C-alpha atoms as a PDB file:
ATOM      1  CA  MET A   1       0.000   0.000   0.000  1.00  0.00           C
ATOM      2  CA  LYS A   2       1.202   3.502  -0.739  1.00  0.00           C
ATOM      3  CA  TYR A   3      -0.370   5.125   2.333  1.00  0.00           C
ATOM      4  CA  LEU A   4      -2.057   7.511  -0.078  1.00  0.00           C
ATOM      5  CA  THR A   5      -5.383   8.978   0.972  1.00  0.00           C
ATOM      6  CA  THR A   6      -7.724  10.699  -1.407  1.00  0.00           C
ATOM      7  CA  LEU A   7     -10.876  12.728  -1.136  1.00  0.00           C
ATOM      8  CA  PRO A   8     -14.102  10.860  -1.969  1.00  0.00           C
ATOM      9  CA  LEU A   9     -15.158  11.125  -5.608  1.00  0.00           C
ATOM     10  CA  MET A  10     -18.028  13.508  -6.105  1.00  0.00           C
ATOM     11  CA  ALA A  11     -21.283  11.732  -6.782  1.00  0.00           C
ATOM     12  CA  SER A  12     -21.938  10.893 -10.413  1.00  0.00           C
ATOM     13  CA  THR A  13     -24.523   8.643 -11.972  1.00  0.00           C
ATOM     14  CA  ALA A  14     -24.035   5.839 -14.431  1.00  0.00           C
ATOM     15  CA  VAL A  15     -25.806   7.997 -16.972  1.00  0.00           C
ATOM     16  CA  LEU A  16     -23.041  10.570 -16.715  1.00  0.00           C
ATOM     17  CA  LEU A  17     -20.291   7.973 -17.076  1.00  0.00           C
ATOM     18  CA  THR A  18     -20.755   7.489 -20.810  1.00  0.00           C
ATOM     19  CA  ALA A  19     -18.294   8.014 -23.603  1.00  0.00           C
ATOM     20  CA  CYS A  20     -18.209  11.604 -24.655  1.00  0.00           C
ATOM     21  CA  GLY A  21     -16.312  13.796 -27.030  1.00  0.00           C
ATOM     22  CA  GLY A  22     -15.789  17.500 -27.369  1.00  0.00           C
ATOM     23  CA  GLY A  23     -13.007  19.716 -26.265  1.00  0.00           C
ATOM     24  CA  GLY A  24     -12.131  22.925 -24.548  1.00  0.00           C
ATOM     25  CA  SER A  25     -10.373  26.112 -25.452  1.00  0.00           C
ATOM     26  CA  SER A  26      -6.681  26.390 -24.670  1.00  0.00           C
ATOM     27  CA  ILE A  27      -6.236  29.370 -22.398  1.00  0.00           C
ATOM     28  CA  VAL A  28      -3.082  30.421 -20.619  1.00  0.00           C
ATOM     29  CA  THR A  29      -3.417  32.950 -17.837  1.00  0.00           C
ATOM     30  CA  PRO A  30      -0.168  34.692 -16.876  1.00  0.00           C
ATOM     31  CA  SER A  31       0.195  34.959 -13.120  1.00  0.00           C
ATOM     32  CA  THR A  32       2.640  36.047 -10.462  1.00  0.00           C
ATOM     33  CA  SER A  33       1.425  33.202  -8.243  1.00  0.00           C
ATOM     34  CA  VAL A  34       3.750  30.363  -7.260  1.00  0.00           C
ATOM     35  CA  ASN A  35       1.110  27.972  -8.591  1.00  0.00           C
ATOM     36  CA  TYR A  36      -0.720  27.341 -11.829  1.00  0.00           C
ATOM     37  CA  LYS A  37      -3.855  25.376 -12.750  1.00  0.00           C
ATOM     38  CA  VAL A  38      -4.446  22.376 -14.943  1.00  0.00           C
ATOM     39  CA  THR A  39      -8.052  22.498 -16.149  1.00  0.00           C
ATOM     40  CA  GLY A  40     -10.296  20.459 -18.405  1.00  0.00           C
ATOM     41  CA  THR A  41     -13.367  18.244 -18.400  1.00  0.00           C
ATOM     42  CA  VAL A  42     -13.702  14.524 -17.726  1.00  0.00           C
ATOM     43  CA  PRO A  43     -16.309  11.927 -16.809  1.00  0.00           C
ATOM     44  CA  GLY A  44     -16.789  11.802 -13.010  1.00  0.00           C
ATOM     45  CA  THR A  45     -13.163  11.564 -12.034  1.00  0.00           C
ATOM     46  CA  LEU A  46     -10.481  11.932  -9.346  1.00  0.00           C
ATOM     47  CA  ILE A  47      -7.473  13.786 -10.756  1.00  0.00           C
ATOM     48  CA  GLU A  48      -4.122  13.226  -9.006  1.00  0.00           C
ATOM     49  CA  ALA A  49      -0.654  14.666  -9.537  1.00  0.00           C
ATOM     50  CA  PHE A  50       2.634  13.192  -8.289  1.00  0.00           C
ATOM     51  CA  CYS A  51       5.578  15.580  -8.403  1.00  0.00           C
ATOM     52  CA  ASP A  52       9.387  15.443  -8.340  1.00  0.00           C
ATOM     53  CA  ASP A  53       9.680  16.708  -4.768  1.00  0.00           C
ATOM     54  CA  GLY A  54       7.409  13.926  -3.521  1.00  0.00           C
ATOM     55  CA  SER A  55       4.383  16.203  -3.135  1.00  0.00           C
ATOM     56  CA  TYR A  56       0.902  14.903  -3.895  1.00  0.00           C
ATOM     57  CA  HIS A  57      -2.001  16.994  -5.229  1.00  0.00           C
ATOM     58  CA  SER A  58      -5.567  15.976  -6.033  1.00  0.00           C
ATOM     59  CA  VAL A  59      -8.999  17.292  -6.913  1.00  0.00           C
ATOM     60  CA  ASN A  60     -12.338  15.806  -7.895  1.00  0.00           C
ATOM     61  CA  SER A  61     -14.202  16.862 -11.002  1.00  0.00           C
ATOM     62  CA  VAL A  62     -17.416  18.780 -10.375  1.00  0.00           C
ATOM     63  CA  THR A  63     -20.769  17.181 -11.158  1.00  0.00           C
ATOM     64  CA  ASN A  64     -22.663  19.573 -13.425  1.00  0.00           C
ATOM     65  CA  GLY A  65     -25.533  17.554 -14.902  1.00  0.00           C
ATOM     66  CA  THR A  66     -23.573  16.571 -18.015  1.00  0.00           C
ATOM     67  CA  ASN A  67     -21.053  13.877 -18.867  1.00  0.00           C
ATOM     68  CA  GLN A  68     -18.243  16.433 -19.075  1.00  0.00           C
ATOM     69  CA  HIS A  69     -17.361  17.412 -15.526  1.00  0.00           C
ATOM     70  CA  PRO A  70     -14.988  20.380 -15.144  1.00  0.00           C
ATOM     71  CA  PHE A  71     -11.952  20.297 -12.883  1.00  0.00           C
ATOM     72  CA  ALA A  72      -9.157  22.659 -11.865  1.00  0.00           C
ATOM     73  CA  LEU A  73      -6.056  21.168 -10.238  1.00  0.00           C
ATOM     74  CA  THR A  74      -3.561  23.550  -8.624  1.00  0.00           C
ATOM     75  CA  LEU A  75       0.122  22.625  -9.028  1.00  0.00           C
ATOM     76  CA  PRO A  76       3.424  24.302  -8.110  1.00  0.00           C
ATOM     77  CA  LYS A  77       5.011  26.242 -10.958  1.00  0.00           C
ATOM     78  CA  ASP A  78       8.026  24.782 -12.763  1.00  0.00           C
ATOM     79  CA  LEU A  79       7.929  21.507 -10.814  1.00  0.00           C
ATOM     80  CA  ARG A  80       7.764  18.298 -12.835  1.00  0.00           C
ATOM     81  CA  CYS A  81       4.559  16.361 -12.139  1.00  0.00           C
ATOM     82  CA  ARG A  82       2.573  13.431 -13.543  1.00  0.00           C
ATOM     83  CA  LEU A  83      -1.213  13.101 -13.836  1.00  0.00           C
ATOM     84  CA  VAL A  84      -3.346  10.063 -13.032  1.00  0.00           C
ATOM     85  CA  MET A  85      -7.136  10.051 -13.455  1.00  0.00           C
ATOM     86  CA  THR A  86      -9.489   7.574 -11.779  1.00  0.00           C
ATOM     87  CA  ILE A  87     -13.141   6.949 -12.641  1.00  0.00           C
ATOM     88  CA  ASN A  88     -15.355   5.395  -9.923  1.00  0.00           C
ATOM     89  CA  GLU A  89     -12.724   5.987  -7.237  1.00  0.00           C
ATOM     90  CA  GLY A  90     -13.557   4.020  -4.092  1.00  0.00           C
ATOM     91  CA  SER A  91     -15.476   1.283  -5.912  1.00  0.00           C
ATOM     92  CA  ALA A  92     -14.534  -2.164  -7.184  1.00  0.00           C
ATOM     93  CA  ASN A  93     -15.145  -0.875 -10.714  1.00  0.00           C
ATOM     94  CA  LYS A  94     -12.575   1.904 -10.640  1.00  0.00           C
ATOM     95  CA  VAL A  95     -10.623   2.613 -13.807  1.00  0.00           C
ATOM     96  CA  ILE A  96      -7.177   4.197 -13.373  1.00  0.00           C
ATOM     97  CA  THR A  97      -5.540   5.954 -16.309  1.00  0.00           C
ATOM     98  CA  ALA A  98      -2.137   7.605 -16.496  1.00  0.00           C
ATOM     99  CA  ILE A  99      -2.047  10.731 -18.661  1.00  0.00           C
ATOM    100  CA  LYS A 100       0.646  11.507 -21.210  1.00  0.00           C
ATOM    101  CA  LEU A 101       0.808  15.077 -22.531  1.00  0.00           C
ATOM    102  CA  ASN A 102       1.830  15.875 -26.108  1.00  0.00           C
ATOM    103  CA  ASP A 103       2.883  19.393 -27.117  1.00  0.00           C
ATOM    104  CA  GLY A 104       3.442  18.536 -30.768  1.00  0.00           C
ATOM    105  CA  SER A 105       7.141  17.812 -30.284  1.00  0.00           C
ATOM    106  CA  ASN A 106       7.416  15.697 -27.131  1.00  0.00           C
ATOM    107  CA  SER A 107       5.050  13.371 -25.317  1.00  0.00           C
ATOM    108  CA  ASN A 108       5.595  12.115 -21.785  1.00  0.00           C
ATOM    109  CA  ILE A 109       3.796  11.653 -18.490  1.00  0.00           C
ATOM    110  CA  ALA A 110       6.250  14.079 -16.814  1.00  0.00           C
ATOM    111  CA  PHE A 111       5.682  17.777 -17.392  1.00  0.00           C
ATOM    112  CA  SER A 112       5.988  21.198 -15.791  1.00  0.00           C
ATOM    113  CA  SER A 113       4.604  24.634 -16.513  1.00  0.00           C
ATOM    114  CA  GLY A 114       4.761  28.237 -15.414  1.00  0.00           C
ATOM    115  CA  ASN A 115       1.258  29.090 -16.652  1.00  0.00           C
ATOM    116  CA  ASP A 116      -2.200  27.555 -16.713  1.00  0.00           C
ATOM    117  CA  ILE A 117      -2.817  24.547 -18.973  1.00  0.00           C
ATOM    118  CA  ASP A 118      -6.167  23.517 -20.469  1.00  0.00           C
ATOM    119  CA  LEU A 119      -6.412  19.831 -21.390  1.00  0.00           C
ATOM    120  CA  GLY A 120      -9.777  20.212 -23.092  1.00  0.00           C
ATOM    121  CA  HIS A 121     -12.022  17.164 -22.695  1.00  0.00           C
ATOM    122  CA  VAL A 122     -10.225  13.971 -21.649  1.00  0.00           C
ATOM    123  CA  ASP A 123     -12.310  11.075 -22.958  1.00  0.00           C
ATOM    124  CA  LEU A 124     -11.296   8.399 -20.446  1.00  0.00           C
ATOM    125  CA  ALA A 125     -12.062   4.693 -20.675  1.00  0.00           C
ATOM    126  CA  LEU A 126     -15.122   3.960 -18.548  1.00  0.00           C
ATOM    127  CA  GLU A 127     -14.351   0.296 -17.909  1.00  0.00           C
ATOM    128  CA  THR A 128     -11.428  -2.074 -18.114  1.00  0.00           C
ATOM    129  CA  THR A 129     -11.127  -4.912 -20.598  1.00  0.00           C
ATOM    130  CA  PRO A 130      -8.405  -7.562 -21.043  1.00  0.00           C
ATOM    131  CA  ALA A 131      -7.204  -5.602 -24.064  1.00  0.00           C
ATOM    132  CA  LEU A 132      -6.806  -2.409 -22.013  1.00  0.00           C
ATOM    133  CA  ASP A 133      -5.790  -3.931 -18.654  1.00  0.00           C
ATOM    134  CA  SER A 134      -3.913  -7.172 -19.285  1.00  0.00           C
ATOM    135  CA  ASP A 135      -3.174  -7.943 -15.610  1.00  0.00           C
ATOM    136  CA  ASN A 136      -6.620  -6.924 -14.323  1.00  0.00           C
ATOM    137  CA  ASP A 137      -5.221  -4.534 -11.695  1.00  0.00           C
ATOM    138  CA  ARG A 138      -7.710  -1.765 -12.683  1.00  0.00           C
ATOM    139  CA  VAL A 139      -4.889   0.294 -14.241  1.00  0.00           C
ATOM    140  CA  ILE A 140      -5.003   0.857 -17.995  1.00  0.00           C
ATOM    141  CA  ASP A 141      -1.742  -0.586 -19.377  1.00  0.00           C
ATOM    142  CA  ILE A 142      -0.830   2.345 -21.629  1.00  0.00           C
ATOM    143  CA  PRO A 143      -1.092   6.036 -20.683  1.00  0.00           C
ATOM    144  CA  GLN A 144      -3.761   8.020 -22.504  1.00  0.00           C
ATOM    145  CA  GLU A 145      -2.220  10.707 -24.672  1.00  0.00           C
ATOM    146  CA  VAL A 146      -3.683  14.199 -24.524  1.00  0.00           C
ATOM    147  CA  THR A 147      -2.570  16.522 -27.297  1.00  0.00           C
ATOM    148  CA  LEU A 148      -2.365  20.124 -26.174  1.00  0.00           C
ATOM    149  CA  ALA A 149      -3.336  22.984 -28.465  1.00  0.00           C
ATOM    150  CA  GLY A 150      -2.669  26.699 -28.714  1.00  0.00           C
ATOM    151  CA  ALA A 151      -1.056  28.474 -25.790  1.00  0.00           C
ATOM    152  CA  SER A 152      -1.207  25.376 -23.579  1.00  0.00           C
ATOM    153  CA  ALA A 153       1.136  23.571 -25.976  1.00  0.00           C
ATOM    154  CA  THR A 154       3.672  26.384 -25.898  1.00  0.00           C
ATOM    155  CA  THR A 155       3.698  26.984 -22.143  1.00  0.00           C
ATOM    156  CA  VAL A 156       4.143  23.365 -21.021  1.00  0.00           C
ATOM    157  CA  GLN A 157       7.572  21.764 -20.651  1.00  0.00           C
ATOM    158  CA  ILE A 158       7.394  18.047 -21.424  1.00  0.00           C
ATOM    159  CA  SER A 159      10.264  15.705 -20.624  1.00  0.00           C
ATOM    160  CA  ALA A 160      11.896  14.049 -23.613  1.00  0.00           C
ATOM    161  CA  VAL A 161      11.227  10.350 -24.177  1.00  0.00           C
ATOM    162  CA  GLY A 162      13.727   8.211 -22.279  1.00  0.00           C
ATOM    163  CA  THR A 163      14.398  10.810 -19.579  1.00  0.00           C
ATOM    164  CA  SER A 164      15.141   9.103 -16.264  1.00  0.00           C
ATOM    165  CA  ASP A 165      12.164   9.328 -13.889  1.00  0.00           C
ATOM    166  CA  LEU A 166      12.403   8.338 -10.219  1.00  0.00           C
ATOM    167  CA  LEU A 167       8.611   8.125 -10.013  1.00  0.00           C
ATOM    168  CA  ASP A 168       8.467   5.699 -12.939  1.00  0.00           C
ATOM    169  CA  ASN A 169      11.445   3.399 -12.492  1.00  0.00           C
ATOM    170  CA  ASP A 170      10.828   1.298 -15.585  1.00  0.00           C
ATOM    171  CA  ASN A 171       9.783   4.257 -17.784  1.00  0.00           C
ATOM    172  CA  ASP A 172       6.630   2.483 -18.962  1.00  0.00           C
ATOM    173  CA  GLY A 173       4.385   5.476 -18.302  1.00  0.00           C
ATOM    174  CA  ILE A 174       2.789   3.943 -15.189  1.00  0.00           C
ATOM    175  CA  ILE A 175       4.150   5.549 -12.023  1.00  0.00           C
ATOM    176  CA  ASN A 176       5.528   3.332  -9.259  1.00  0.00           C
ATOM    177  CA  VAL A 177       2.515   3.942  -7.017  1.00  0.00           C
ATOM    178  CA  TYR A 178       0.203   2.300  -9.560  1.00  0.00           C
ATOM    179  CA  GLU A 179       2.441  -0.574 -10.669  1.00  0.00           C
ATOM    180  CA  ASP A 180       1.726  -4.124  -9.475  1.00  0.00           C
ATOM    181  CA  ASP A 181       5.078  -5.099  -7.950  1.00  0.00           C
ATOM    182  CA  ASP A 182       4.076  -8.565  -6.743  1.00  0.00           C
ATOM    183  CA  ASN A 183       1.962  -9.414  -9.829  1.00  0.00           C
ATOM    184  CA  ASP A 184      -1.072 -10.383  -7.760  1.00  0.00           C
ATOM    185  CA  GLY A 185      -3.568  -8.423  -9.864  1.00  0.00           C
ATOM    186  CA  ILE A 186      -3.830  -5.611  -7.296  1.00  0.00           C
ATOM    187  CA  ASN A 187      -2.056  -2.352  -8.062  1.00  0.00           C
ATOM    188  CA  ASN A 188       0.394  -1.117  -5.400  1.00  0.00           C
ATOM    189  CA  HIS A 189      -1.882   1.740  -4.340  1.00  0.00           C
ATOM    190  CA  ASP A 190      -4.673  -0.677  -3.399  1.00  0.00           C
ATOM    191  CA  ASP A 191      -2.463  -3.553  -2.226  1.00  0.00           C
ATOM    192  CA  ASP A 192      -1.874  -3.726   1.538  1.00  0.00           C
ATOM    193  CA  ASP A 193       1.128  -6.009   0.908  1.00  0.00           C
ATOM    194  CA  ASP A 194       2.524  -4.737  -2.363  1.00  0.00           C
ATOM    195  CA  ASP A 195       5.717  -6.800  -2.265  1.00  0.00           C
ATOM    196  CA  GLY A 196       3.862 -10.034  -1.459  1.00  0.00           C
ATOM    197  CA  ASN A 197       6.084 -10.979   1.482  1.00  0.00           C
ATOM    198  CA  GLY A 198       3.211 -11.655   3.862  1.00  0.00           C
ATOM    199  CA  ILE A 199       3.814  -8.541   5.989  1.00  0.00           C
ATOM    200  CA  LYS A 200       1.267  -5.733   5.771  1.00  0.00           C
ATOM    201  CA  ASP A 201       2.860  -2.593   4.361  1.00  0.00           C
ATOM    202  CA  ILE A 202       1.695  -0.502   7.326  1.00  0.00           C
ATOM    203  CA  GLU A 203       3.569  -2.912   9.660  1.00  0.00           C
ATOM    204  CA  GLU A 204       6.696  -3.225   7.543  1.00  0.00           C
ATOM    205  CA  ILE A 205       9.919  -1.396   8.310  1.00  0.00           C
ATOM    206  CA  ASP A 206      10.806   1.136   5.625  1.00  0.00           C
ATOM    207  CA  ASN A 207      14.178  -0.380   4.753  1.00  0.00           C
ATOM    208  CA  ASP A 208      14.492   1.426   1.417  1.00  0.00           C
ATOM    209  CA  ASN A 209      14.008   4.905   2.991  1.00  0.00           C
ATOM    210  CA  ASP A 210      10.947   5.520   0.811  1.00  0.00           C
ATOM    211  CA  LEU A 211       7.853   5.193   2.963  1.00  0.00           C
ATOM    212  CA  ASP A 212       5.280   5.816   0.236  1.00  0.00           C
ATOM    213  CA  ASN A 213       7.305   3.948  -2.420  1.00  0.00           C
ATOM    214  CA  ASP A 214       6.885   6.768  -4.919  1.00  0.00           C
ATOM    215  CA  GLY A 215      10.568   6.711  -5.872  1.00  0.00           C
ATOM    216  CA  ILE A 216      11.522   9.819  -3.852  1.00  0.00           C
ATOM    217  CA  SER A 217      13.737   9.201  -0.813  1.00  0.00           C
ATOM    218  CA  ASN A 218      12.224  10.236   2.530  1.00  0.00           C
ATOM    219  CA  ASP A 219      15.154  12.614   3.023  1.00  0.00           C
ATOM    220  CA  ILE A 220      13.982  14.837   0.163  1.00  0.00           C
ATOM    221  CA  ASP A 221      10.301  13.826  -0.067  1.00  0.00           C
ATOM    222  CA  VAL A 222       8.141  16.685   1.211  1.00  0.00           C
ATOM    223  CA  ASP A 223       5.191  14.296   1.712  1.00  0.00           C
ATOM    224  CA  ASP A 224       6.553  10.949   2.915  1.00  0.00           C
ATOM    225  CA  ASP A 225       3.157   9.230   3.124  1.00  0.00           C
ATOM    226  CA  ASN A 226       1.453  10.814   0.065  1.00  0.00           C
ATOM    227  CA  ASP A 227      -1.472  12.060   2.121  1.00  0.00           C
ATOM    228  CA  GLY A 228      -1.438  15.530   0.564  1.00  0.00           C
ATOM    229  CA  LEU A 229       0.027  17.183   3.668  1.00  0.00           C
ATOM    230  CA  ASP A 230       3.523  18.642   3.711  1.00  0.00           C
ATOM    231  CA  ASP A 231       5.570  16.779   6.325  1.00  0.00           C
ATOM    232  CA  SER A 232       6.381  20.078   8.037  1.00  0.00           C
ATOM    233  CA  VAL A 233       2.716  20.316   9.112  1.00  0.00           C
ATOM    234  CA  ASP A 234       1.749  16.637   9.076  1.00  0.00           C
ATOM    235  CA  SER A 235       1.279  15.326  12.627  1.00  0.00           C
ATOM    236  CA  ASP A 236       1.569  11.688  11.506  1.00  0.00           C
ATOM    237  CA  ASP A 237       4.465  11.507   9.052  1.00  0.00           C
ATOM    238  CA  ASP A 238       4.375   7.745   8.527  1.00  0.00           C
ATOM    239  CA  ASN A 239       0.554   7.519   8.505  1.00  0.00           C
ATOM    240  CA  ASP A 240       0.562   4.679  11.019  1.00  0.00           C
ATOM    241  CA  GLY A 241      -2.254   6.155  13.108  1.00  0.00           C
ATOM    242  CA  PHE A 242       0.054   7.364  15.883  1.00  0.00           C
ATOM    243  CA  ASP A 243       0.651  11.083  16.271  1.00  0.00           C
ATOM    244  CA  ASP A 244       4.323  12.020  15.911  1.00  0.00           C
ATOM    245  CA  SER A 245       4.316  13.316  19.494  1.00  0.00           C
ATOM    246  CA  ILE A 246       3.818   9.749  20.810  1.00  0.00           C
ATOM    247  CA  ASP A 247       5.354   7.774  17.909  1.00  0.00           C
ATOM    248  CA  ASN A 248       8.913   6.700  18.742  1.00  0.00           C
ATOM    249  CA  ASP A 249       9.617   6.021  15.054  1.00  0.00           C
ATOM    250  CA  ASP A 250       8.002   8.883  13.136  1.00  0.00           C
ATOM    251  CA  ASP A 251       9.299   7.830   9.728  1.00  0.00           C
ATOM    252  CA  ASN A 252       8.806   4.046  10.165  1.00  0.00           C
ATOM    253  CA  ASP A 253      12.419   3.326   9.243  1.00  0.00           C
ATOM    254  CA  GLY A 254      12.986   0.952  12.168  1.00  0.00           C
ATOM    255  CA  ILE A 255      15.264   3.407  13.979  1.00  0.00           C
ATOM    256  CA  ASP A 256      14.056   4.909  17.234  1.00  0.00           C
ATOM    257  CA  ASP A 257      13.679   8.679  16.931  1.00  0.00           C
ATOM    258  CA  SER A 258      15.985   9.176  19.914  1.00  0.00           C
ATOM    259  CA  VAL A 259      18.914   7.930  17.813  1.00  0.00           C
ATOM    260  CA  ASP A 260      17.616   8.586  14.288  1.00  0.00           C
ATOM    261  CA  ALA A 261      19.848  10.987  12.345  1.00  0.00           C
ATOM    262  CA  ASP A 262      16.985  12.635  10.483  1.00  0.00           C
ATOM    263  CA  ASN A 263      13.433  13.572  11.435  1.00  0.00           C
ATOM    264  CA  ASN A 264      12.360  13.722   7.787  1.00  0.00           C
ATOM    265  CA  ASP A 265      12.757  17.472   7.426  1.00  0.00           C
ATOM    266  CA  GLY A 266      15.800  16.913   5.212  1.00  0.00           C
ATOM    267  CA  VAL A 267      18.225  18.296   7.810  1.00  0.00           C
ATOM    268  CA  ASN A 268      20.483  15.939   9.726  1.00  0.00           C
ATOM    269  CA  ASP A 269      19.828  16.311  13.465  1.00  0.00           C
ATOM    270  CA  SER A 270      23.459  17.249  14.121  1.00  0.00           C
ATOM    271  CA  ASN A 271      22.899  20.408  12.059  1.00  0.00           C
ATOM    272  CA  ASP A 272      19.213  20.913  12.865  1.00  0.00           C
ATOM    273  CA  SER A 273      18.314  23.584  15.417  1.00  0.00           C
ATOM    274  CA  ASP A 274      14.860  21.997  15.717  1.00  0.00           C
ATOM    275  CA  SER A 275      15.568  18.300  15.356  1.00  0.00           C
ATOM    276  CA  ASN A 276      12.161  17.113  16.546  1.00  0.00           C
ATOM    277  CA  ASN A 277      10.248  19.549  14.335  1.00  0.00           C
ATOM    278  CA  SER A 278       8.171  20.658  17.308  1.00  0.00           C
ATOM    279  CA  ASP A 279       9.252  24.284  17.488  1.00  0.00           C
ATOM    280  CA  SER A 280       9.500  25.940  14.091  1.00  0.00           C
ATOM    281  CA  ASP A 281      10.585  29.306  15.509  1.00  0.00           C
ATOM    282  CA  ASN A 282      13.134  27.650  17.827  1.00  0.00           C
ATOM    283  CA  ASP A 283      12.138  29.744  20.805  1.00  0.00           C
ATOM    284  CA  SER A 284      11.222  27.114  23.381  1.00  0.00           C
ATOM    285  CA  ASP A 285       9.486  23.776  23.280  1.00  0.00           C
ATOM    286  CA  SER A 286       8.122  24.252  26.792  1.00  0.00           C
ATOM    287  CA  GLY A 287       8.884  20.689  27.766  1.00  0.00           C
ATOM    288  CA  ASN A 288       7.803  19.107  24.485  1.00  0.00           C
ATOM    289  CA  ASP A 289      10.115  16.247  23.547  1.00  0.00           C
ATOM    290  CA  SER A 290       8.442  14.472  20.607  1.00  0.00           C
ATOM    291  CA  ASP A 291      11.551  12.565  19.656  1.00  0.00           C
ATOM    292  CA  ASN A 292      11.930  11.125  23.153  1.00  0.00           C
ATOM    293  CA  ASP A 293      15.633  11.893  23.419  1.00  0.00           C
ATOM    294  CA  SER A 294      15.232  13.855  26.679  1.00  0.00           C
ATOM    295  CA  ASN A 295      16.423  16.990  24.953  1.00  0.00           C
ATOM    296  CA  ILE A 296      14.010  19.922  24.769  1.00  0.00           C
ATOM    297  CA  ARG A 297      14.661  22.003  21.677  1.00  0.00           C
END
């Protein structure tokens, strides 16, 4: 399991989940914001983004009485991300599709932008078939290509084919989180034992220093458990159900926090003025010792 939590999919009826065509205008809105928006329309869908710094972003499309539901996903500017769209999220009939963007020159799942991007209408598969999903893990085998037009095609930066991608180790267009590592027909995201060793992922020590198995090391991953919360404000970094203040192994790496060299803020404790992340302004922790090392910082 990838410890990834998502918001419930907005209600949509079977009538709305029908194949549909159409498109949308390509509009780029210059902005001084640190973020930009990816917009478009889809059948009733959860839209997720997985980015190079380990951050996770998601939004649900908005039910509007048609079969083309609008969405607007906010992403950090100039940070490489990848899109995944899921129909019927939360049900046994979910359909998960990776998205590949094409700007007319390059096509890849990894992209970045400094301005808004309009995908138009993304006509997603509404059900899986053996031809589309050969291993029956609810993930379409091949990413769906979306060709950008107008200003959206010129503002996006798409990685060249063959570019190394930590979030897609085998470069097949399906990110690590949605692979099926143990070939049991359950994608990693939905598999509570994704390596098939008989130990539940939530109980397993994070020996590879990558708690959410997204390909980004915990040391530089800003969201170790892919719950959508930056670790600097997340009170349960390893998503094990125990608040960091009482968890003696906040990052689930098998090393007690009292002797662990890093509290997952990317700064080794020997150089960290706030090594338990409990006092961001470093004035006084007033007796708070969340890393249980008897040192109040």
